[in-house]
Amino acid sequence: MYELLFWRYLEEVYLNHHEVYEALLEKQKVEGLEILPVEVILNRINSVFSQWEKVDENSWKNNSGKGAFQVISTPQSIKVDCYGTEGKTMNKLVEVMEEFKCPLYDPQIPERYDEMSE
């Protein structure tokens, strides 16, 4: 499994990314993070991955290729657990989240990619 995590800071807020990650994993509310439009984001992911089989409310499987992923959300974050998912698919998820101004935090490295592509 490969984890991707996304959140958005309030203006002028900068926190320790790994501590934010750990708090969000525990589904804690983090002061300094914005509330995300979770339903809108899930609808967007569903639209982008409409060719994939929707296994349940928050899980998609690629029937014509490799990979599957599950989205776990809190009001402040979107976490995507990727299973055998190709890099181009993960990049597509990152692009969707950039539409919502939520850069990727990659806990495997650990690194947050705050430089948003314009």
C-alpha atoms as a PDB file:
ATOM      1  CA  MET A   1       0.000   0.000   0.000  1.00  0.00           C
ATOM      2  CA  TYR A   2       1.086   3.578  -0.733  1.00  0.00           C
ATOM      3  CA  GLU A   3      -0.484   6.477   1.161  1.00  0.00           C
ATOM      4  CA  LEU A   4      -1.237   9.927  -0.226  1.00  0.00           C
ATOM      5  CA  LEU A   5      -2.542  12.604   2.137  1.00  0.00           C
ATOM      6  CA  PHE A   6      -3.928  16.033   1.321  1.00  0.00           C
ATOM      7  CA  TRP A   7      -4.936  19.049   3.400  1.00  0.00           C
ATOM      8  CA  ARG A   8      -4.992  22.828   3.113  1.00  0.00           C
ATOM      9  CA  TYR A   9      -3.560  25.274   5.629  1.00  0.00           C
ATOM     10  CA  LEU A  10      -5.337  28.478   6.589  1.00  0.00           C
ATOM     11  CA  GLU A  11      -3.625  31.676   5.335  1.00  0.00           C
ATOM     12  CA  GLU A  12      -0.360  32.426   7.127  1.00  0.00           C
ATOM     13  CA  VAL A  13      -0.363  29.061   8.949  1.00  0.00           C
ATOM     14  CA  TYR A  14       2.582  26.704   8.737  1.00  0.00           C
ATOM     15  CA  LEU A  15       2.752  23.592  10.939  1.00  0.00           C
ATOM     16  CA  ASN A  16       4.971  20.530  11.246  1.00  0.00           C
ATOM     17  CA  HIS A  17       3.684  18.400   8.369  1.00  0.00           C
ATOM     18  CA  HIS A  18       4.422  15.065  10.008  1.00  0.00           C
ATOM     19  CA  GLU A  19       2.633  16.068  13.216  1.00  0.00           C
ATOM     20  CA  VAL A  20      -0.359  17.196  11.131  1.00  0.00           C
ATOM     21  CA  TYR A  21      -0.266  13.853   9.308  1.00  0.00           C
ATOM     22  CA  GLU A  22      -0.234  11.882  12.568  1.00  0.00           C
ATOM     23  CA  ALA A  23      -3.114  13.922  14.007  1.00  0.00           C
ATOM     24  CA  LEU A  24      -5.180  13.464  10.852  1.00  0.00           C
ATOM     25  CA  LEU A  25      -4.549   9.705  10.915  1.00  0.00           C
ATOM     26  CA  GLU A  26      -6.108   9.707  14.380  1.00  0.00           C
ATOM     27  CA  LYS A  27      -9.032  11.720  12.912  1.00  0.00           C
ATOM     28  CA  GLN A  28      -8.221  14.637  15.227  1.00  0.00           C
ATOM     29  CA  LYS A  29      -9.237  18.210  14.404  1.00  0.00           C
ATOM     30  CA  VAL A  30      -6.118  20.262  13.649  1.00  0.00           C
ATOM     31  CA  GLU A  31      -6.118  23.993  14.408  1.00  0.00           C
ATOM     32  CA  GLY A  32      -4.854  25.871  11.358  1.00  0.00           C
ATOM     33  CA  LEU A  33      -6.334  23.600   8.677  1.00  0.00           C
ATOM     34  CA  GLU A  34      -9.246  24.525   6.458  1.00  0.00           C
ATOM     35  CA  ILE A  35     -12.468  22.530   6.277  1.00  0.00           C
ATOM     36  CA  LEU A  36     -12.569  20.828   2.869  1.00  0.00           C
ATOM     37  CA  PRO A  37     -15.563  20.316   0.542  1.00  0.00           C
ATOM     38  CA  VAL A  38     -15.263  16.546   0.969  1.00  0.00           C
ATOM     39  CA  GLU A  39     -18.396  15.602  -0.990  1.00  0.00           C
ATOM     40  CA  VAL A  40     -17.376  17.826  -3.912  1.00  0.00           C
ATOM     41  CA  ILE A  41     -13.892  16.277  -3.888  1.00  0.00           C
ATOM     42  CA  LEU A  42     -15.306  12.729  -3.826  1.00  0.00           C
ATOM     43  CA  ASN A  43     -17.620  13.594  -6.720  1.00  0.00           C
ATOM     44  CA  ARG A  44     -14.657  14.965  -8.672  1.00  0.00           C
ATOM     45  CA  ILE A  45     -12.601  11.809  -8.023  1.00  0.00           C
ATOM     46  CA  ASN A  46     -15.589   9.718  -9.107  1.00  0.00           C
ATOM     47  CA  SER A  47     -15.866  11.759 -12.300  1.00  0.00           C
ATOM     48  CA  VAL A  48     -12.147  11.516 -13.132  1.00  0.00           C
ATOM     49  CA  PHE A  49     -12.153   7.766 -12.456  1.00  0.00           C
ATOM     50  CA  SER A  50     -15.536   7.047 -14.069  1.00  0.00           C
ATOM     51  CA  GLN A  51     -13.993   4.228 -16.151  1.00  0.00           C
ATOM     52  CA  TRP A  52     -13.002   2.432 -12.941  1.00  0.00           C
ATOM     53  CA  GLU A  53     -15.317   0.125 -11.014  1.00  0.00           C
ATOM     54  CA  LYS A  54     -16.645   1.823  -7.894  1.00  0.00           C
ATOM     55  CA  VAL A  55     -16.366  -0.983  -5.342  1.00  0.00           C
ATOM     56  CA  ASP A  56     -18.109   0.967  -2.590  1.00  0.00           C
ATOM     57  CA  GLU A  57     -18.743   4.592  -1.611  1.00  0.00           C
ATOM     58  CA  ASN A  58     -15.022   5.375  -1.223  1.00  0.00           C
ATOM     59  CA  SER A  59     -13.154   2.679  -3.189  1.00  0.00           C
ATOM     60  CA  TRP A  60     -12.273   2.276  -6.858  1.00  0.00           C
ATOM     61  CA  LYS A  61     -10.745  -0.624  -8.785  1.00  0.00           C
ATOM     62  CA  ASN A  62      -9.192  -0.561 -12.261  1.00  0.00           C
ATOM     63  CA  ASN A  63     -10.749  -3.474 -14.148  1.00  0.00           C
ATOM     64  CA  SER A  64      -8.775  -2.763 -17.317  1.00  0.00           C
ATOM     65  CA  GLY A  65      -5.361  -2.338 -15.700  1.00  0.00           C
ATOM     66  CA  LYS A  66      -3.466  -2.276 -12.451  1.00  0.00           C
ATOM     67  CA  GLY A  67      -4.474  -0.856  -9.134  1.00  0.00           C
ATOM     68  CA  ALA A  68      -7.155   0.113  -6.728  1.00  0.00           C
ATOM     69  CA  PHE A  69      -7.517   2.878  -4.193  1.00  0.00           C
ATOM     70  CA  GLN A  70      -9.629   3.850  -1.229  1.00  0.00           C
ATOM     71  CA  VAL A  71     -10.382   7.387  -0.058  1.00  0.00           C
ATOM     72  CA  ILE A  72     -10.621   8.029   3.684  1.00  0.00           C
ATOM     73  CA  SER A  73     -11.704  11.529   4.601  1.00  0.00           C
ATOM     74  CA  THR A  74     -12.034  13.788   7.597  1.00  0.00           C
ATOM     75  CA  PRO A  75     -13.535  17.295   7.398  1.00  0.00           C
ATOM     76  CA  GLN A  76      -9.955  18.593   7.026  1.00  0.00           C
ATOM     77  CA  SER A  77      -8.213  15.921   4.968  1.00  0.00           C
ATOM     78  CA  ILE A  78      -8.345  13.419   2.145  1.00  0.00           C
ATOM     79  CA  LYS A  79      -6.223  10.279   2.502  1.00  0.00           C
ATOM     80  CA  VAL A  80      -5.871   7.910  -0.433  1.00  0.00           C
ATOM     81  CA  ASP A  81      -4.614   4.381   0.168  1.00  0.00           C
ATOM     82  CA  CYS A  82      -3.264   3.045  -3.138  1.00  0.00           C
ATOM     83  CA  TYR A  83      -2.963  -0.695  -3.758  1.00  0.00           C
ATOM     84  CA  GLY A  84      -0.756  -1.683  -6.690  1.00  0.00           C
ATOM     85  CA  THR A  85      -1.607   1.649  -8.287  1.00  0.00           C
ATOM     86  CA  GLU A  86       0.556   2.987 -11.111  1.00  0.00           C
ATOM     87  CA  GLY A  87       2.389   6.282 -10.771  1.00  0.00           C
ATOM     88  CA  LYS A  88       0.293   7.947 -13.484  1.00  0.00           C
ATOM     89  CA  THR A  89      -2.865   7.116 -11.523  1.00  0.00           C
ATOM     90  CA  MET A  90      -1.395   8.599  -8.339  1.00  0.00           C
ATOM     91  CA  ASN A  91      -0.408  11.688 -10.338  1.00  0.00           C
ATOM     92  CA  LYS A  92      -4.004  12.005 -11.527  1.00  0.00           C
ATOM     93  CA  LEU A  93      -5.181  11.930  -7.888  1.00  0.00           C
ATOM     94  CA  VAL A  94      -2.603  14.604  -7.009  1.00  0.00           C
ATOM     95  CA  GLU A  95      -3.879  16.747  -9.898  1.00  0.00           C
ATOM     96  CA  VAL A  96      -7.478  16.421  -8.685  1.00  0.00           C
ATOM     97  CA  MET A  97      -6.453  17.543  -5.217  1.00  0.00           C
ATOM     98  CA  GLU A  98      -4.445  20.459  -6.635  1.00  0.00           C
ATOM     99  CA  GLU A  99      -7.735  21.699  -8.129  1.00  0.00           C
ATOM    100  CA  PHE A 100      -8.839  22.117  -4.504  1.00  0.00           C
ATOM    101  CA  LYS A 101      -5.507  23.721  -3.514  1.00  0.00           C
ATOM    102  CA  CYS A 102      -4.533  20.699  -1.426  1.00  0.00           C
ATOM    103  CA  PRO A 103      -0.909  19.731  -2.051  1.00  0.00           C
ATOM    104  CA  LEU A 104       0.331  16.199  -1.541  1.00  0.00           C
ATOM    105  CA  TYR A 105       1.953  15.066   1.674  1.00  0.00           C
ATOM    106  CA  ASP A 106       3.833  11.827   1.024  1.00  0.00           C
ATOM    107  CA  PRO A 107       4.378  10.126   4.413  1.00  0.00           C
ATOM    108  CA  GLN A 108       6.654   7.493   2.891  1.00  0.00           C
ATOM    109  CA  ILE A 109       9.371  10.107   2.207  1.00  0.00           C
ATOM    110  CA  PRO A 110       8.109  12.203   4.296  1.00  0.00           C
ATOM    111  CA  GLU A 111       7.617  15.342   2.238  1.00  0.00           C
ATOM    112  CA  ARG A 112       4.878  17.858   1.462  1.00  0.00           C
ATOM    113  CA  TYR A 113       4.738  19.332  -2.011  1.00  0.00           C
ATOM    114  CA  ASP A 114       3.621  22.900  -1.338  1.00  0.00           C
ATOM    115  CA  GLU A 115       4.715  24.240  -4.729  1.00  0.00           C
ATOM    116  CA  MET A 116       1.423  24.109  -6.549  1.00  0.00           C
ATOM    117  CA  SER A 117       1.513  23.825 -10.308  1.00  0.00           C
ATOM    118  CA  GLU A 118      -0.155  26.806 -11.945  1.00  0.00           C
END
